[in-house]
Amino acid sequence: MWLDRFIDALRSLRTLFFILGLGLGWLLFADHQDTDILYVMVHNTDDVMLESVRFEFGFGLTQSNILLLQIKPGEQRLVALNHPLHKGYNVEARFTGGEVRSFCANRTYPKRQQSLALHR
């Protein structure tokens, strides 16, 4: 009967080695790298409110943007970008009064936790 053969196969030493080999192969050859997530701490160091901060980023065939709204003077916010290290991202900061700053940030910064101080 097929059930008896299945139980015998599970008890077999070959089956044990096969399962151990699969597990060892996964440990050795699987990609265990961290995901490409950057954590950016946005800090408004100016004395006026940031009306908005827009992040535009992407590589390959993907393009994304994130919009933060109304960051008070002295306030900090954490934003997570699905973006690899050593690739810059565009920032557009709009201050109260209409002043705008646009730039490419942290192109060669080596850490996943990044700080971004914004002022006029």
N, C-alpha and C. Protein backbone atom coordinates (compact mmCIF):
# COMPACT_ATOMS: atom_id res chain seq x y z
N MET A 1 0.83 -1.17 0.00
CA MET A 1 0.00 0.00 0.00
C MET A 1 0.89 1.25 0.00
N TRP A 2 0.44 2.30 -0.63
CA TRP A 2 1.24 3.52 -0.78
C TRP A 2 1.51 4.20 0.56
N LEU A 3 0.61 4.10 1.51
CA LEU A 3 0.80 4.74 2.81
C LEU A 3 1.95 4.08 3.57
N ASP A 4 2.05 2.76 3.48
CA ASP A 4 3.16 2.05 4.13
C ASP A 4 4.50 2.45 3.52
N ARG A 5 4.54 2.56 2.20
CA ARG A 5 5.78 2.98 1.53
C ARG A 5 6.16 4.42 1.91
N PHE A 6 5.16 5.27 2.04
CA PHE A 6 5.41 6.66 2.43
C PHE A 6 5.99 6.73 3.84
N ILE A 7 5.44 5.97 4.77
CA ILE A 7 5.94 5.95 6.15
C ILE A 7 7.34 5.37 6.20
N ASP A 8 7.62 4.31 5.43
CA ASP A 8 8.97 3.74 5.37
C ASP A 8 9.96 4.76 4.81
N ALA A 9 9.54 5.54 3.81
CA ALA A 9 10.42 6.56 3.24
C ALA A 9 10.73 7.65 4.27
N LEU A 10 9.76 8.01 5.06
CA LEU A 10 9.99 9.02 6.09
C LEU A 10 10.95 8.53 7.17
N ARG A 11 10.93 7.25 7.43
CA ARG A 11 11.83 6.65 8.43
C ARG A 11 13.23 6.40 7.87
N SER A 12 13.39 6.46 6.59
CA SER A 12 14.65 6.14 5.94
C SER A 12 15.72 7.18 6.26
N LEU A 13 16.96 6.70 6.37
CA LEU A 13 18.11 7.58 6.61
C LEU A 13 18.37 8.46 5.39
N ARG A 14 18.09 7.95 4.20
CA ARG A 14 18.27 8.75 2.98
C ARG A 14 17.36 9.97 2.99
N THR A 15 16.13 9.79 3.44
CA THR A 15 15.19 10.91 3.51
C THR A 15 15.70 11.97 4.48
N LEU A 16 16.24 11.53 5.60
CA LEU A 16 16.79 12.47 6.58
C LEU A 16 17.93 13.27 5.96
N PHE A 17 18.86 12.58 5.27
CA PHE A 17 19.97 13.28 4.64
C PHE A 17 19.50 14.21 3.52
N PHE A 18 18.48 13.80 2.81
CA PHE A 18 17.92 14.65 1.75
C PHE A 18 17.37 15.95 2.34
N ILE A 19 16.61 15.83 3.41
CA ILE A 19 16.04 17.02 4.05
C ILE A 19 17.14 17.90 4.64
N LEU A 20 18.14 17.28 5.27
CA LEU A 20 19.27 18.05 5.80
C LEU A 20 20.03 18.75 4.67
N GLY A 21 20.19 18.07 3.54
CA GLY A 21 20.87 18.68 2.39
C GLY A 21 20.10 19.87 1.84
N LEU A 22 18.78 19.75 1.78
CA LEU A 22 17.97 20.89 1.34
C LEU A 22 18.14 22.08 2.28
N GLY A 23 18.10 21.81 3.57
CA GLY A 23 18.25 22.90 4.54
C GLY A 23 19.63 23.53 4.48
N LEU A 24 20.67 22.71 4.37
CA LEU A 24 22.03 23.23 4.28
C LEU A 24 22.23 24.02 2.99
N GLY A 25 21.69 23.52 1.89
CA GLY A 25 21.78 24.25 0.63
C GLY A 25 21.10 25.60 0.70
N TRP A 26 19.96 25.64 1.35
CA TRP A 26 19.27 26.92 1.51
C TRP A 26 20.10 27.88 2.35
N LEU A 27 20.70 27.39 3.44
CA LEU A 27 21.52 28.26 4.28
C LEU A 27 22.74 28.80 3.53
N LEU A 28 23.35 27.96 2.70
CA LEU A 28 24.57 28.37 2.01
C LEU A 28 24.31 29.25 0.79
N PHE A 29 23.26 28.96 0.04
CA PHE A 29 23.10 29.60 -1.26
C PHE A 29 21.95 30.59 -1.36
N ALA A 30 21.10 30.67 -0.38
CA ALA A 30 19.98 31.62 -0.44
C ALA A 30 20.50 33.03 -0.16
N ASP A 31 19.83 34.01 -0.69
CA ASP A 31 20.20 35.41 -0.48
C ASP A 31 19.60 35.87 0.85
N HIS A 32 20.45 36.02 1.85
CA HIS A 32 19.99 36.41 3.18
C HIS A 32 20.26 37.89 3.46
N GLN A 33 20.45 38.67 2.42
CA GLN A 33 20.73 40.09 2.57
C GLN A 33 19.51 40.83 3.08
N ASP A 34 19.79 41.94 3.78
CA ASP A 34 18.70 42.81 4.20
C ASP A 34 18.01 43.40 2.98
N THR A 35 16.77 43.75 3.13
CA THR A 35 16.06 44.41 2.04
C THR A 35 16.61 45.81 1.86
N ASP A 36 16.41 46.37 0.70
CA ASP A 36 16.91 47.70 0.39
C ASP A 36 15.99 48.77 0.96
N ILE A 37 16.05 48.96 2.26
CA ILE A 37 15.23 49.99 2.89
C ILE A 37 16.15 51.01 3.54
N LEU A 38 15.93 52.27 3.19
CA LEU A 38 16.64 53.38 3.83
C LEU A 38 15.70 54.03 4.82
N TYR A 39 16.21 54.34 5.98
CA TYR A 39 15.44 55.07 6.98
C TYR A 39 16.01 56.48 7.05
N VAL A 40 15.19 57.45 6.68
CA VAL A 40 15.63 58.84 6.64
C VAL A 40 14.90 59.62 7.73
N MET A 41 15.67 60.25 8.61
CA MET A 41 15.11 61.10 9.65
C MET A 41 15.12 62.54 9.13
N VAL A 42 13.93 63.05 8.84
CA VAL A 42 13.78 64.43 8.34
C VAL A 42 13.67 65.34 9.55
N HIS A 43 14.53 66.37 9.60
CA HIS A 43 14.55 67.30 10.72
C HIS A 43 14.40 68.72 10.19
N ASN A 44 13.34 69.39 10.62
CA ASN A 44 13.13 70.79 10.24
C ASN A 44 13.94 71.66 11.19
N THR A 45 15.08 72.16 10.71
CA THR A 45 15.96 72.98 11.55
C THR A 45 15.69 74.47 11.37
N ASP A 46 14.68 74.83 10.61
CA ASP A 46 14.34 76.23 10.37
C ASP A 46 13.32 76.70 11.41
N ASP A 47 13.04 78.01 11.40
CA ASP A 47 12.08 78.56 12.36
C ASP A 47 10.68 78.71 11.76
N VAL A 48 10.48 78.20 10.53
CA VAL A 48 9.15 78.21 9.91
C VAL A 48 8.75 76.77 9.59
N MET A 49 7.45 76.56 9.40
CA MET A 49 6.94 75.22 9.11
C MET A 49 7.31 74.78 7.70
N LEU A 50 7.61 73.51 7.59
CA LEU A 50 7.76 72.88 6.27
C LEU A 50 6.37 72.45 5.84
N GLU A 51 5.87 73.05 4.78
CA GLU A 51 4.53 72.68 4.29
C GLU A 51 4.52 71.27 3.74
N SER A 52 5.57 70.91 2.99
CA SER A 52 5.64 69.56 2.43
C SER A 52 7.08 69.20 2.11
N VAL A 53 7.35 67.91 2.16
CA VAL A 53 8.63 67.35 1.72
C VAL A 53 8.30 66.17 0.83
N ARG A 54 8.76 66.23 -0.42
CA ARG A 54 8.50 65.15 -1.38
C ARG A 54 9.81 64.43 -1.68
N PHE A 55 9.77 63.11 -1.53
CA PHE A 55 10.90 62.25 -1.89
C PHE A 55 10.55 61.56 -3.20
N GLU A 56 11.45 61.62 -4.17
CA GLU A 56 11.31 60.87 -5.42
C GLU A 56 12.53 59.98 -5.56
N PHE A 57 12.29 58.70 -5.76
CA PHE A 57 13.39 57.75 -5.80
C PHE A 57 13.01 56.56 -6.65
N GLY A 58 14.01 55.82 -7.08
CA GLY A 58 13.77 54.63 -7.87
C GLY A 58 15.03 54.20 -8.58
N PHE A 59 15.02 52.99 -9.08
CA PHE A 59 16.09 52.48 -9.92
C PHE A 59 15.54 51.30 -10.68
N GLY A 60 16.22 50.93 -11.73
CA GLY A 60 15.69 49.86 -12.58
C GLY A 60 14.41 50.33 -13.25
N LEU A 61 13.36 49.57 -13.12
CA LEU A 61 12.09 49.90 -13.76
C LEU A 61 11.07 50.48 -12.78
N THR A 62 11.47 50.75 -11.56
CA THR A 62 10.52 51.26 -10.57
C THR A 62 10.80 52.72 -10.25
N GLN A 63 9.76 53.45 -9.98
CA GLN A 63 9.85 54.86 -9.59
C GLN A 63 8.78 55.10 -8.53
N SER A 64 9.15 55.74 -7.43
CA SER A 64 8.21 55.98 -6.34
C SER A 64 8.37 57.40 -5.81
N ASN A 65 7.34 57.85 -5.10
CA ASN A 65 7.48 59.11 -4.37
C ASN A 65 6.68 59.04 -3.09
N ILE A 66 7.16 59.79 -2.09
CA ILE A 66 6.52 59.87 -0.78
C ILE A 66 6.38 61.34 -0.43
N LEU A 67 5.25 61.70 0.14
CA LEU A 67 4.97 63.09 0.50
C LEU A 67 4.73 63.19 2.00
N LEU A 68 5.52 64.03 2.67
CA LEU A 68 5.32 64.35 4.08
C LEU A 68 4.72 65.74 4.16
N LEU A 69 3.77 65.95 5.06
CA LEU A 69 3.09 67.24 5.17
C LEU A 69 3.26 67.84 6.55
N GLN A 70 3.38 69.16 6.60
CA GLN A 70 3.35 70.00 7.79
C GLN A 70 4.28 69.51 8.89
N ILE A 71 5.55 69.77 8.70
CA ILE A 71 6.56 69.47 9.71
C ILE A 71 6.89 70.76 10.44
N LYS A 72 6.60 70.82 11.72
CA LYS A 72 6.79 72.02 12.53
C LYS A 72 8.27 72.30 12.76
N PRO A 73 8.63 73.55 13.09
CA PRO A 73 10.03 73.87 13.41
C PRO A 73 10.54 73.00 14.56
N GLY A 74 11.70 72.40 14.36
CA GLY A 74 12.29 71.54 15.37
C GLY A 74 11.78 70.11 15.36
N GLU A 75 10.74 69.82 14.61
CA GLU A 75 10.15 68.47 14.58
C GLU A 75 10.99 67.54 13.70
N GLN A 76 10.99 66.27 14.08
CA GLN A 76 11.66 65.23 13.30
C GLN A 76 10.65 64.16 12.92
N ARG A 77 10.81 63.62 11.71
CA ARG A 77 9.96 62.51 11.26
C ARG A 77 10.83 61.47 10.58
N LEU A 78 10.46 60.22 10.80
CA LEU A 78 11.17 59.11 10.19
C LEU A 78 10.37 58.61 8.99
N VAL A 79 11.06 58.44 7.87
CA VAL A 79 10.42 57.92 6.66
C VAL A 79 11.28 56.76 6.13
N ALA A 80 10.63 55.70 5.66
CA ALA A 80 11.32 54.53 5.12
C ALA A 80 11.18 54.53 3.60
N LEU A 81 12.31 54.48 2.91
CA LEU A 81 12.32 54.45 1.45
C LEU A 81 12.76 53.07 0.98
N ASN A 82 12.04 52.48 0.06
CA ASN A 82 12.41 51.20 -0.54
C ASN A 82 13.41 51.50 -1.65
N HIS A 83 14.67 51.71 -1.25
CA HIS A 83 15.69 52.23 -2.16
C HIS A 83 17.06 51.72 -1.72
N PRO A 84 17.93 51.30 -2.64
CA PRO A 84 19.23 50.76 -2.25
C PRO A 84 20.21 51.84 -1.79
N LEU A 85 21.22 51.39 -1.06
CA LEU A 85 22.29 52.30 -0.64
C LEU A 85 23.07 52.82 -1.84
N HIS A 86 23.74 53.92 -1.64
CA HIS A 86 24.62 54.55 -2.64
C HIS A 86 23.88 55.00 -3.89
N LYS A 87 22.60 55.13 -3.80
CA LYS A 87 21.80 55.70 -4.88
C LYS A 87 21.09 56.91 -4.29
N GLY A 88 21.26 58.05 -4.90
CA GLY A 88 20.63 59.26 -4.36
C GLY A 88 19.13 59.25 -4.55
N TYR A 89 18.49 60.15 -3.86
CA TYR A 89 17.05 60.35 -4.01
C TYR A 89 16.79 61.84 -4.05
N ASN A 90 15.78 62.23 -4.80
CA ASN A 90 15.46 63.65 -4.95
C ASN A 90 14.54 64.10 -3.82
N VAL A 91 14.82 65.31 -3.33
CA VAL A 91 14.03 65.90 -2.25
C VAL A 91 13.56 67.27 -2.71
N GLU A 92 12.29 67.55 -2.49
CA GLU A 92 11.74 68.88 -2.74
C GLU A 92 11.05 69.32 -1.45
N ALA A 93 11.61 70.36 -0.81
CA ALA A 93 11.08 70.87 0.46
C ALA A 93 10.41 72.22 0.21
N ARG A 94 9.14 72.34 0.61
CA ARG A 94 8.38 73.58 0.47
C ARG A 94 8.14 74.17 1.85
N PHE A 95 8.66 75.39 2.05
CA PHE A 95 8.52 76.08 3.32
C PHE A 95 7.32 77.01 3.28
N THR A 96 6.82 77.39 4.47
CA THR A 96 5.77 78.39 4.56
C THR A 96 6.29 79.68 3.94
N GLY A 97 5.48 80.32 3.14
CA GLY A 97 5.91 81.52 2.43
C GLY A 97 6.26 81.25 0.98
N GLY A 98 6.25 79.97 0.57
CA GLY A 98 6.45 79.64 -0.83
C GLY A 98 7.86 79.29 -1.24
N GLU A 99 8.83 79.38 -0.35
CA GLU A 99 10.20 79.07 -0.71
C GLU A 99 10.37 77.56 -0.90
N VAL A 100 11.09 77.18 -1.97
CA VAL A 100 11.25 75.77 -2.32
C VAL A 100 12.74 75.44 -2.45
N ARG A 101 13.13 74.31 -1.90
CA ARG A 101 14.49 73.79 -2.06
C ARG A 101 14.39 72.41 -2.69
N SER A 102 15.12 72.19 -3.79
CA SER A 102 15.15 70.89 -4.47
C SER A 102 16.59 70.45 -4.62
N PHE A 103 16.87 69.19 -4.31
CA PHE A 103 18.24 68.69 -4.40
C PHE A 103 18.23 67.16 -4.39
N CYS A 104 19.38 66.59 -4.76
CA CYS A 104 19.60 65.15 -4.67
C CYS A 104 20.35 64.89 -3.37
N ALA A 105 19.85 63.99 -2.54
CA ALA A 105 20.40 63.80 -1.20
C ALA A 105 21.11 62.46 -1.04
N ASN A 106 22.16 62.48 -0.24
CA ASN A 106 22.84 61.29 0.29
C ASN A 106 23.20 60.26 -0.78
N ARG A 107 23.76 60.73 -1.87
CA ARG A 107 24.10 59.82 -2.97
C ARG A 107 25.16 58.79 -2.57
N THR A 108 26.13 59.18 -1.78
CA THR A 108 27.21 58.25 -1.41
C THR A 108 27.24 57.95 0.08
N TYR A 109 26.16 58.24 0.78
CA TYR A 109 26.13 58.00 2.23
C TYR A 109 26.09 56.50 2.49
N PRO A 110 26.98 55.97 3.36
CA PRO A 110 27.13 54.51 3.48
C PRO A 110 26.19 53.79 4.45
N LYS A 111 25.32 54.51 5.17
CA LYS A 111 24.51 53.84 6.20
C LYS A 111 23.04 53.80 5.83
N ARG A 112 22.32 52.81 6.36
CA ARG A 112 20.89 52.68 6.10
C ARG A 112 20.06 53.68 6.89
N GLN A 113 20.56 54.15 8.04
CA GLN A 113 19.88 55.20 8.80
C GLN A 113 20.54 56.52 8.42
N GLN A 114 19.76 57.41 7.82
CA GLN A 114 20.30 58.67 7.34
C GLN A 114 19.53 59.83 7.96
N SER A 115 20.25 60.93 8.15
CA SER A 115 19.64 62.13 8.69
C SER A 115 19.57 63.19 7.59
N LEU A 116 18.49 63.94 7.56
CA LEU A 116 18.29 64.97 6.55
C LEU A 116 17.78 66.23 7.24
N ALA A 117 18.69 67.17 7.48
CA ALA A 117 18.32 68.44 8.12
C ALA A 117 17.91 69.42 7.03
N LEU A 118 16.73 70.02 7.17
CA LEU A 118 16.20 70.94 6.16
C LEU A 118 16.05 72.33 6.74
N HIS A 119 16.54 73.33 5.99
CA HIS A 119 16.39 74.74 6.36
C HIS A 119 16.44 75.58 5.09
N ARG A 120 15.95 76.83 5.21
CA ARG A 120 15.91 77.70 4.03
C ARG A 120 17.28 78.18 3.64
